[in-house]
Amino acid sequence: MLSAAEYLLAPALEPAMGSGAMELDRIREVLHREPSLVTAVLEDGIGDEELLPAAVLFPIVRRIGGPTVLLTQRTAHLKDHPGQISFPGGRRESEDPSPAHTALREAAEEIGLSEAQVDIVGYLPEYRTATGFRVTPVVALVTPPFDLRLDSFEVAEVFE
């Protein structure tokens, strides 16, 4: 049986009818329409401790040759998760009204991705980490062209 993430990515990995078009309806079917606090994926070692809310943008880029996923590599000097490959995102700030706002704000800060090019299509189950975070993955379609501007303190590289 496929996980929600594997099921979500299946249409992106195999272009529909050879045209490179994504099956948007199928993607929306497997996603939560709103962030879910009920379903969650837990890392080993999670206990009853208080976790900090965070969100990441799962950006699926609409390319003519087929969809891609936009990822970042964190800089090596960072205290948390140095050098790791990740989605743009981070912890919720007090002014963030929703996980979607957090993910969009962080993507703009980290890689300069404009909210105008992002269409949120849904949410994957919350991911609770052993490092103390409750991460909401916000799945979105991104329409090129876009001009990214990396925050060189946090992001070493961005790639698809």
N, C-alpha and C. Protein backbone atom coordinates (compact mmCIF):
# COMPACT_ATOMS: atom_id res chain seq x y z
N MET A 1 0.84 -1.18 0.00
CA MET A 1 0.00 0.00 0.00
C MET A 1 0.89 1.24 0.00
N LEU A 2 0.53 2.24 -0.80
CA LEU A 2 1.30 3.47 -0.91
C LEU A 2 0.95 4.42 0.22
N SER A 3 1.96 5.16 0.71
CA SER A 3 1.69 6.22 1.68
C SER A 3 1.04 7.39 0.94
N ALA A 4 0.53 8.35 1.70
CA ALA A 4 -0.09 9.52 1.07
C ALA A 4 0.92 10.27 0.20
N ALA A 5 2.16 10.40 0.67
CA ALA A 5 3.18 11.11 -0.10
C ALA A 5 3.53 10.36 -1.38
N GLU A 6 3.66 9.02 -1.30
CA GLU A 6 3.97 8.23 -2.49
C GLU A 6 2.82 8.32 -3.49
N TYR A 7 1.59 8.25 -3.00
CA TYR A 7 0.43 8.34 -3.87
C TYR A 7 0.37 9.71 -4.53
N LEU A 8 0.71 10.74 -3.74
CA LEU A 8 0.72 12.10 -4.26
C LEU A 8 1.74 12.24 -5.38
N LEU A 9 2.92 11.68 -5.19
CA LEU A 9 3.99 11.86 -6.16
C LEU A 9 3.84 10.98 -7.39
N ALA A 10 3.08 9.90 -7.32
CA ALA A 10 2.94 8.99 -8.45
C ALA A 10 2.54 9.72 -9.73
N PRO A 11 1.53 10.61 -9.72
CA PRO A 11 1.19 11.31 -10.96
C PRO A 11 2.31 12.23 -11.44
N ALA A 12 3.07 12.78 -10.50
CA ALA A 12 4.15 13.68 -10.89
C ALA A 12 5.31 12.93 -11.53
N LEU A 13 5.49 11.68 -11.12
CA LEU A 13 6.59 10.90 -11.66
C LEU A 13 6.25 10.27 -13.00
N GLU A 14 4.98 10.06 -13.26
CA GLU A 14 4.54 9.49 -14.53
C GLU A 14 3.58 10.46 -15.20
N PRO A 15 4.06 11.27 -16.14
CA PRO A 15 3.19 12.26 -16.78
C PRO A 15 1.94 11.61 -17.38
N ALA A 16 0.81 12.26 -17.20
CA ALA A 16 -0.46 11.74 -17.67
C ALA A 16 -0.53 11.75 -19.19
N MET A 17 -0.83 10.61 -19.78
CA MET A 17 -1.07 10.46 -21.21
C MET A 17 0.07 11.02 -22.05
N GLY A 18 1.28 11.00 -21.53
CA GLY A 18 2.44 11.44 -22.30
C GLY A 18 2.52 12.93 -22.52
N SER A 19 1.61 13.69 -21.93
CA SER A 19 1.59 15.14 -22.18
C SER A 19 2.37 15.92 -21.16
N GLY A 20 2.76 15.30 -20.05
CA GLY A 20 3.45 16.01 -18.99
C GLY A 20 2.49 16.72 -18.05
N ALA A 21 1.19 16.60 -18.25
CA ALA A 21 0.20 17.25 -17.39
C ALA A 21 0.01 16.45 -16.11
N MET A 22 -0.14 17.15 -14.99
CA MET A 22 -0.40 16.47 -13.72
C MET A 22 -1.88 16.22 -13.56
N GLU A 23 -2.20 15.18 -12.86
CA GLU A 23 -3.58 14.88 -12.55
C GLU A 23 -3.94 15.62 -11.26
N LEU A 24 -4.25 16.91 -11.42
CA LEU A 24 -4.51 17.76 -10.27
C LEU A 24 -5.65 17.24 -9.41
N ASP A 25 -6.71 16.75 -10.01
CA ASP A 25 -7.82 16.23 -9.23
C ASP A 25 -7.38 15.06 -8.36
N ARG A 26 -6.54 14.19 -8.92
CA ARG A 26 -6.06 13.03 -8.16
C ARG A 26 -5.19 13.49 -6.99
N ILE A 27 -4.36 14.50 -7.21
CA ILE A 27 -3.53 15.03 -6.14
C ILE A 27 -4.41 15.60 -5.04
N ARG A 28 -5.40 16.41 -5.42
CA ARG A 28 -6.29 17.01 -4.42
C ARG A 28 -7.05 15.94 -3.63
N GLU A 29 -7.37 14.80 -4.26
CA GLU A 29 -8.09 13.71 -3.60
C GLU A 29 -7.36 13.18 -2.37
N VAL A 30 -6.05 13.07 -2.45
CA VAL A 30 -5.29 12.44 -1.38
C VAL A 30 -4.83 13.42 -0.31
N LEU A 31 -5.03 14.69 -0.53
CA LEU A 31 -4.58 15.70 0.42
C LEU A 31 -5.71 16.09 1.37
N HIS A 32 -5.31 16.57 2.54
CA HIS A 32 -6.28 17.18 3.44
C HIS A 32 -6.60 18.56 2.88
N ARG A 33 -7.86 18.96 2.98
CA ARG A 33 -8.24 20.30 2.50
C ARG A 33 -7.81 21.39 3.48
N GLU A 34 -7.69 21.01 4.73
CA GLU A 34 -7.24 21.90 5.80
C GLU A 34 -6.14 21.17 6.57
N PRO A 35 -5.28 21.91 7.28
CA PRO A 35 -4.28 21.23 8.10
C PRO A 35 -4.97 20.31 9.10
N SER A 36 -4.41 19.13 9.30
CA SER A 36 -5.02 18.14 10.18
C SER A 36 -4.17 17.93 11.42
N LEU A 37 -4.79 18.08 12.58
CA LEU A 37 -4.12 17.79 13.84
C LEU A 37 -4.41 16.36 14.28
N VAL A 38 -5.32 15.70 13.57
CA VAL A 38 -5.73 14.35 13.94
C VAL A 38 -4.75 13.32 13.41
N THR A 39 -4.43 13.38 12.12
CA THR A 39 -3.48 12.44 11.56
C THR A 39 -2.09 13.03 11.61
N ALA A 40 -1.13 12.21 11.98
CA ALA A 40 0.25 12.69 12.08
C ALA A 40 1.21 11.54 11.85
N VAL A 41 2.37 11.88 11.36
CA VAL A 41 3.47 10.94 11.23
C VAL A 41 4.44 11.27 12.36
N LEU A 42 4.84 10.24 13.12
CA LEU A 42 5.70 10.46 14.27
C LEU A 42 7.08 9.88 14.04
N GLU A 43 8.10 10.67 14.31
CA GLU A 43 9.46 10.14 14.29
C GLU A 43 9.66 9.30 15.54
N ASP A 44 10.59 8.36 15.49
CA ASP A 44 10.95 7.60 16.68
C ASP A 44 11.42 8.55 17.77
N GLY A 45 11.05 8.26 19.00
CA GLY A 45 11.52 9.07 20.12
C GLY A 45 10.56 10.17 20.53
N ILE A 46 9.42 10.30 19.86
CA ILE A 46 8.45 11.33 20.22
C ILE A 46 7.72 10.90 21.48
N GLY A 47 7.67 11.81 22.45
CA GLY A 47 6.95 11.54 23.69
C GLY A 47 5.80 12.49 23.84
N ASP A 48 5.57 12.92 25.07
CA ASP A 48 4.46 13.83 25.37
C ASP A 48 4.90 15.29 25.44
N GLU A 49 6.13 15.57 25.02
CA GLU A 49 6.65 16.94 25.14
C GLU A 49 5.91 17.90 24.21
N GLU A 50 5.94 19.17 24.60
CA GLU A 50 5.34 20.23 23.78
C GLU A 50 6.19 20.41 22.52
N LEU A 51 5.55 20.44 21.36
CA LEU A 51 6.26 20.61 20.09
C LEU A 51 5.94 21.99 19.51
N LEU A 52 6.94 22.60 18.88
CA LEU A 52 6.76 23.91 18.26
C LEU A 52 6.11 23.77 16.89
N PRO A 53 5.10 24.58 16.57
CA PRO A 53 4.48 24.51 15.25
C PRO A 53 5.40 25.07 14.17
N ALA A 54 5.42 24.38 13.03
CA ALA A 54 6.23 24.79 11.88
C ALA A 54 5.49 24.35 10.61
N ALA A 55 5.94 24.84 9.47
CA ALA A 55 5.35 24.44 8.20
C ALA A 55 6.41 24.48 7.12
N VAL A 56 6.25 23.60 6.14
CA VAL A 56 7.12 23.60 4.96
C VAL A 56 6.25 23.68 3.71
N LEU A 57 6.81 24.26 2.67
CA LEU A 57 6.14 24.30 1.38
C LEU A 57 6.64 23.11 0.56
N PHE A 58 5.73 22.29 0.08
CA PHE A 58 6.04 21.15 -0.80
C PHE A 58 5.73 21.67 -2.20
N PRO A 59 6.70 22.36 -2.85
CA PRO A 59 6.44 23.03 -4.12
C PRO A 59 6.62 22.12 -5.34
N ILE A 60 5.53 21.84 -6.02
CA ILE A 60 5.56 21.06 -7.26
C ILE A 60 5.57 22.07 -8.41
N VAL A 61 6.67 22.09 -9.15
CA VAL A 61 6.84 23.07 -10.22
C VAL A 61 6.25 22.53 -11.51
N ARG A 62 5.40 23.33 -12.13
CA ARG A 62 4.77 22.95 -13.41
C ARG A 62 5.76 23.22 -14.55
N ARG A 63 6.42 22.17 -15.01
CA ARG A 63 7.37 22.29 -16.12
C ARG A 63 6.78 21.64 -17.37
N ILE A 64 7.12 22.16 -18.53
CA ILE A 64 6.61 21.62 -19.80
C ILE A 64 6.95 20.14 -19.95
N GLY A 65 8.15 19.75 -19.57
CA GLY A 65 8.57 18.35 -19.68
C GLY A 65 8.03 17.46 -18.59
N GLY A 66 7.29 18.00 -17.66
CA GLY A 66 6.74 17.24 -16.54
C GLY A 66 7.05 17.95 -15.23
N PRO A 67 6.26 17.69 -14.22
CA PRO A 67 6.43 18.38 -12.95
C PRO A 67 7.72 17.98 -12.25
N THR A 68 8.25 18.92 -11.46
CA THR A 68 9.42 18.68 -10.63
C THR A 68 9.10 19.16 -9.21
N VAL A 69 9.96 18.84 -8.27
CA VAL A 69 9.81 19.30 -6.90
C VAL A 69 10.99 20.19 -6.57
N LEU A 70 10.73 21.35 -6.01
CA LEU A 70 11.75 22.32 -5.65
C LEU A 70 12.25 22.02 -4.24
N LEU A 71 13.57 21.85 -4.11
CA LEU A 71 14.19 21.55 -2.82
C LEU A 71 15.32 22.52 -2.53
N THR A 72 15.68 22.62 -1.26
CA THR A 72 16.81 23.45 -0.86
C THR A 72 17.84 22.59 -0.15
N GLN A 73 19.08 23.07 -0.14
CA GLN A 73 20.10 22.49 0.71
C GLN A 73 20.47 23.55 1.72
N ARG A 74 20.38 23.19 2.99
CA ARG A 74 20.70 24.13 4.07
C ARG A 74 22.21 24.35 4.14
N THR A 75 22.61 25.53 4.58
CA THR A 75 24.04 25.81 4.70
C THR A 75 24.66 24.96 5.81
N ALA A 76 25.96 24.71 5.67
CA ALA A 76 26.68 23.80 6.57
C ALA A 76 26.88 24.36 7.97
N HIS A 77 26.82 25.68 8.15
CA HIS A 77 27.11 26.28 9.45
C HIS A 77 25.91 26.37 10.38
N LEU A 78 24.71 26.05 9.89
CA LEU A 78 23.51 26.20 10.72
C LEU A 78 23.53 25.23 11.90
N LYS A 79 22.96 25.66 13.02
CA LYS A 79 22.89 24.83 14.23
C LYS A 79 21.95 23.65 14.04
N ASP A 80 20.77 23.91 13.47
CA ASP A 80 19.78 22.85 13.26
C ASP A 80 19.84 22.34 11.82
N HIS A 81 20.00 21.06 11.66
CA HIS A 81 19.95 20.38 10.36
C HIS A 81 20.94 20.94 9.32
N PRO A 82 22.20 21.15 9.67
CA PRO A 82 23.16 21.70 8.71
C PRO A 82 23.36 20.79 7.50
N GLY A 83 23.39 21.41 6.31
CA GLY A 83 23.67 20.68 5.08
C GLY A 83 22.55 19.78 4.58
N GLN A 84 21.45 19.70 5.30
CA GLN A 84 20.38 18.79 4.89
C GLN A 84 19.61 19.32 3.68
N ILE A 85 19.07 18.37 2.91
CA ILE A 85 18.14 18.69 1.82
C ILE A 85 16.77 18.85 2.46
N SER A 86 16.06 19.90 2.10
CA SER A 86 14.78 20.17 2.74
C SER A 86 13.83 20.93 1.82
N PHE A 87 12.60 21.01 2.26
CA PHE A 87 11.64 21.90 1.65
C PHE A 87 11.83 23.27 2.29
N PRO A 88 11.49 24.35 1.57
CA PRO A 88 11.53 25.67 2.22
C PRO A 88 10.50 25.69 3.35
N GLY A 89 10.87 26.25 4.48
CA GLY A 89 9.93 26.31 5.59
C GLY A 89 10.62 26.58 6.90
N GLY A 90 9.83 26.62 7.95
CA GLY A 90 10.39 26.88 9.26
C GLY A 90 9.31 27.02 10.31
N ARG A 91 9.73 27.52 11.46
CA ARG A 91 8.80 27.60 12.60
C ARG A 91 7.79 28.72 12.42
N ARG A 92 6.63 28.52 13.02
CA ARG A 92 5.55 29.49 12.98
C ARG A 92 5.93 30.71 13.82
N GLU A 93 5.68 31.87 13.28
CA GLU A 93 5.86 33.13 14.02
C GLU A 93 4.51 33.55 14.58
N SER A 94 4.51 34.38 15.60
CA SER A 94 3.25 34.78 16.25
C SER A 94 2.29 35.47 15.29
N GLU A 95 2.82 36.14 14.26
CA GLU A 95 1.95 36.84 13.31
C GLU A 95 1.42 35.94 12.19
N ASP A 96 1.84 34.68 12.15
CA ASP A 96 1.37 33.74 11.12
C ASP A 96 0.00 33.19 11.50
N PRO A 97 -1.04 33.50 10.72
CA PRO A 97 -2.38 33.01 11.06
C PRO A 97 -2.62 31.53 10.71
N SER A 98 -1.75 30.94 9.89
CA SER A 98 -2.00 29.57 9.45
C SER A 98 -0.69 28.91 9.00
N PRO A 99 -0.69 27.57 8.91
CA PRO A 99 0.47 26.89 8.36
C PRO A 99 0.80 27.34 6.93
N ALA A 100 -0.22 27.61 6.12
CA ALA A 100 0.02 28.07 4.75
C ALA A 100 0.77 29.40 4.77
N HIS A 101 0.38 30.30 5.65
CA HIS A 101 1.06 31.59 5.75
C HIS A 101 2.51 31.38 6.17
N THR A 102 2.75 30.49 7.14
CA THR A 102 4.11 30.20 7.59
C THR A 102 4.95 29.68 6.43
N ALA A 103 4.43 28.70 5.70
CA ALA A 103 5.17 28.10 4.59
C ALA A 103 5.47 29.12 3.50
N LEU A 104 4.50 29.94 3.15
CA LEU A 104 4.70 30.96 2.12
C LEU A 104 5.69 32.03 2.57
N ARG A 105 5.58 32.47 3.83
CA ARG A 105 6.51 33.47 4.36
C ARG A 105 7.94 32.93 4.37
N GLU A 106 8.10 31.71 4.84
CA GLU A 106 9.43 31.10 4.89
C GLU A 106 10.01 30.90 3.49
N ALA A 107 9.19 30.47 2.53
CA ALA A 107 9.68 30.28 1.15
C ALA A 107 10.11 31.62 0.56
N ALA A 108 9.38 32.68 0.86
CA ALA A 108 9.76 34.01 0.38
C ALA A 108 11.07 34.45 1.03
N GLU A 109 11.21 34.23 2.34
CA GLU A 109 12.42 34.63 3.05
C GLU A 109 13.64 33.82 2.61
N GLU A 110 13.49 32.50 2.50
CA GLU A 110 14.62 31.62 2.23
C GLU A 110 15.08 31.63 0.77
N ILE A 111 14.10 31.61 -0.16
CA ILE A 111 14.48 31.48 -1.57
C ILE A 111 13.88 32.55 -2.47
N GLY A 112 13.13 33.48 -1.90
CA GLY A 112 12.57 34.56 -2.70
C GLY A 112 11.41 34.15 -3.60
N LEU A 113 10.74 33.04 -3.27
CA LEU A 113 9.61 32.58 -4.08
C LEU A 113 8.40 33.47 -3.81
N SER A 114 7.86 34.06 -4.86
CA SER A 114 6.71 34.95 -4.73
C SER A 114 5.42 34.17 -4.53
N GLU A 115 4.63 34.61 -3.58
CA GLU A 115 3.33 34.00 -3.29
C GLU A 115 2.42 34.03 -4.53
N ALA A 116 2.62 35.00 -5.41
CA ALA A 116 1.79 35.14 -6.60
C ALA A 116 1.94 33.95 -7.55
N GLN A 117 3.03 33.21 -7.44
CA GLN A 117 3.27 32.07 -8.33
C GLN A 117 2.92 30.73 -7.70
N VAL A 118 2.30 30.79 -6.52
CA VAL A 118 2.03 29.58 -5.74
C VAL A 118 0.53 29.37 -5.60
N ASP A 119 0.08 28.15 -5.92
CA ASP A 119 -1.32 27.76 -5.77
C ASP A 119 -1.37 26.59 -4.79
N ILE A 120 -1.83 26.85 -3.56
CA ILE A 120 -1.90 25.79 -2.55
C ILE A 120 -3.02 24.82 -2.92
N VAL A 121 -2.68 23.52 -2.95
CA VAL A 121 -3.66 22.50 -3.33
C VAL A 121 -4.08 21.62 -2.16
N GLY A 122 -3.38 21.67 -1.04
CA GLY A 122 -3.78 20.88 0.12
C GLY A 122 -2.64 20.66 1.09
N TYR A 123 -2.89 19.75 2.04
CA TYR A 123 -1.95 19.51 3.13
C TYR A 123 -1.73 18.01 3.32
N LEU A 124 -0.50 17.65 3.64
CA LEU A 124 -0.18 16.28 4.03
C LEU A 124 -0.30 16.20 5.55
N PRO A 125 -0.35 14.98 6.11
CA PRO A 125 -0.44 14.87 7.57
C PRO A 125 0.72 15.57 8.27
N GLU A 126 0.43 16.10 9.43
CA GLU A 126 1.45 16.75 10.24
C GLU A 126 2.57 15.76 10.53
N TYR A 127 3.81 16.27 10.56
CA TYR A 127 4.98 15.44 10.84
C TYR A 127 5.58 15.92 12.15
N ARG A 128 5.63 15.04 13.14
CA ARG A 128 6.14 15.41 14.46
C ARG A 128 7.55 14.86 14.62
N THR A 129 8.49 15.77 14.88
CA THR A 129 9.91 15.41 14.87
C THR A 129 10.48 15.22 16.27
N ALA A 130 11.52 14.41 16.35
CA ALA A 130 12.23 14.19 17.61
C ALA A 130 13.02 15.44 18.00
N THR A 131 13.18 16.38 17.07
CA THR A 131 13.90 17.63 17.38
C THR A 131 12.96 18.72 17.90
N GLY A 132 11.68 18.36 18.14
CA GLY A 132 10.78 19.28 18.82
C GLY A 132 9.82 20.09 17.97
N PHE A 133 9.52 19.63 16.76
CA PHE A 133 8.61 20.40 15.88
C PHE A 133 7.41 19.58 15.44
N ARG A 134 6.29 20.27 15.22
CA ARG A 134 5.09 19.75 14.56
C ARG A 134 5.06 20.44 13.20
N VAL A 135 5.44 19.72 12.15
CA VAL A 135 5.59 20.34 10.83
C VAL A 135 4.38 20.01 9.95
N THR A 136 3.74 21.05 9.43
CA THR A 136 2.63 20.87 8.49
C THR A 136 3.16 21.05 7.07
N PRO A 137 3.15 19.98 6.25
CA PRO A 137 3.54 20.12 4.84
C PRO A 137 2.39 20.73 4.03
N VAL A 138 2.67 21.85 3.38
CA VAL A 138 1.69 22.58 2.57
C VAL A 138 2.04 22.30 1.10
N VAL A 139 1.20 21.56 0.41
CA VAL A 139 1.47 21.16 -0.97
C VAL A 139 0.94 22.25 -1.90
N ALA A 140 1.80 22.64 -2.86
CA ALA A 140 1.42 23.73 -3.76
C ALA A 140 1.98 23.50 -5.15
N LEU A 141 1.28 24.03 -6.14
CA LEU A 141 1.78 24.06 -7.50
C LEU A 141 2.43 25.41 -7.72
N VAL A 142 3.59 25.40 -8.35
CA VAL A 142 4.34 26.63 -8.60
C VAL A 142 4.45 26.82 -10.11
N THR A 143 4.08 28.00 -10.57
CA THR A 143 4.10 28.30 -12.00
C THR A 143 5.33 29.11 -12.37
N PRO A 144 6.20 28.55 -13.24
CA PRO A 144 7.35 29.32 -13.72
C PRO A 144 6.90 30.33 -14.78
N PRO A 145 7.73 31.25 -15.15
CA PRO A 145 9.09 31.44 -14.67
C PRO A 145 9.10 32.14 -13.32
N PHE A 146 10.15 31.90 -12.56
CA PHE A 146 10.34 32.61 -11.30
C PHE A 146 11.81 32.91 -11.12
N ASP A 147 12.08 33.98 -10.41
CA ASP A 147 13.45 34.42 -10.17
C ASP A 147 13.70 34.26 -8.68
N LEU A 148 14.49 33.26 -8.31
CA LEU A 148 14.75 32.99 -6.90
C LEU A 148 15.94 33.81 -6.41
N ARG A 149 15.83 34.26 -5.17
CA ARG A 149 16.90 34.98 -4.49
C ARG A 149 17.14 34.28 -3.15
N LEU A 150 18.25 33.58 -3.05
CA LEU A 150 18.52 32.77 -1.87
C LEU A 150 19.02 33.61 -0.70
N ASP A 151 18.55 33.26 0.49
CA ASP A 151 19.12 33.81 1.72
C ASP A 151 20.39 33.01 1.97
N SER A 152 21.53 33.59 1.68
CA SER A 152 22.80 32.86 1.72
C SER A 152 23.19 32.41 3.12
N PHE A 153 22.58 32.96 4.15
CA PHE A 153 22.85 32.50 5.51
C PHE A 153 22.21 31.14 5.76
N GLU A 154 21.00 30.93 5.22
CA GLU A 154 20.24 29.70 5.47
C GLU A 154 20.31 28.68 4.35
N VAL A 155 20.40 29.13 3.10
CA VAL A 155 20.27 28.23 1.96
C VAL A 155 21.55 28.24 1.12
N ALA A 156 22.14 27.06 0.97
CA ALA A 156 23.36 26.93 0.15
C ALA A 156 23.01 26.78 -1.32
N GLU A 157 21.87 26.10 -1.59
CA GLU A 157 21.51 25.80 -2.97
C GLU A 157 20.01 25.51 -3.05
N VAL A 158 19.44 25.78 -4.21
CA VAL A 158 18.07 25.39 -4.51
C VAL A 158 18.10 24.64 -5.83
N PHE A 159 17.31 23.57 -5.92
CA PHE A 159 17.31 22.75 -7.13
C PHE A 159 15.98 22.02 -7.27
N GLU A 160 15.76 21.51 -8.48
CA GLU A 160 14.55 20.72 -8.75
C GLU A 160 14.96 19.30 -9.05
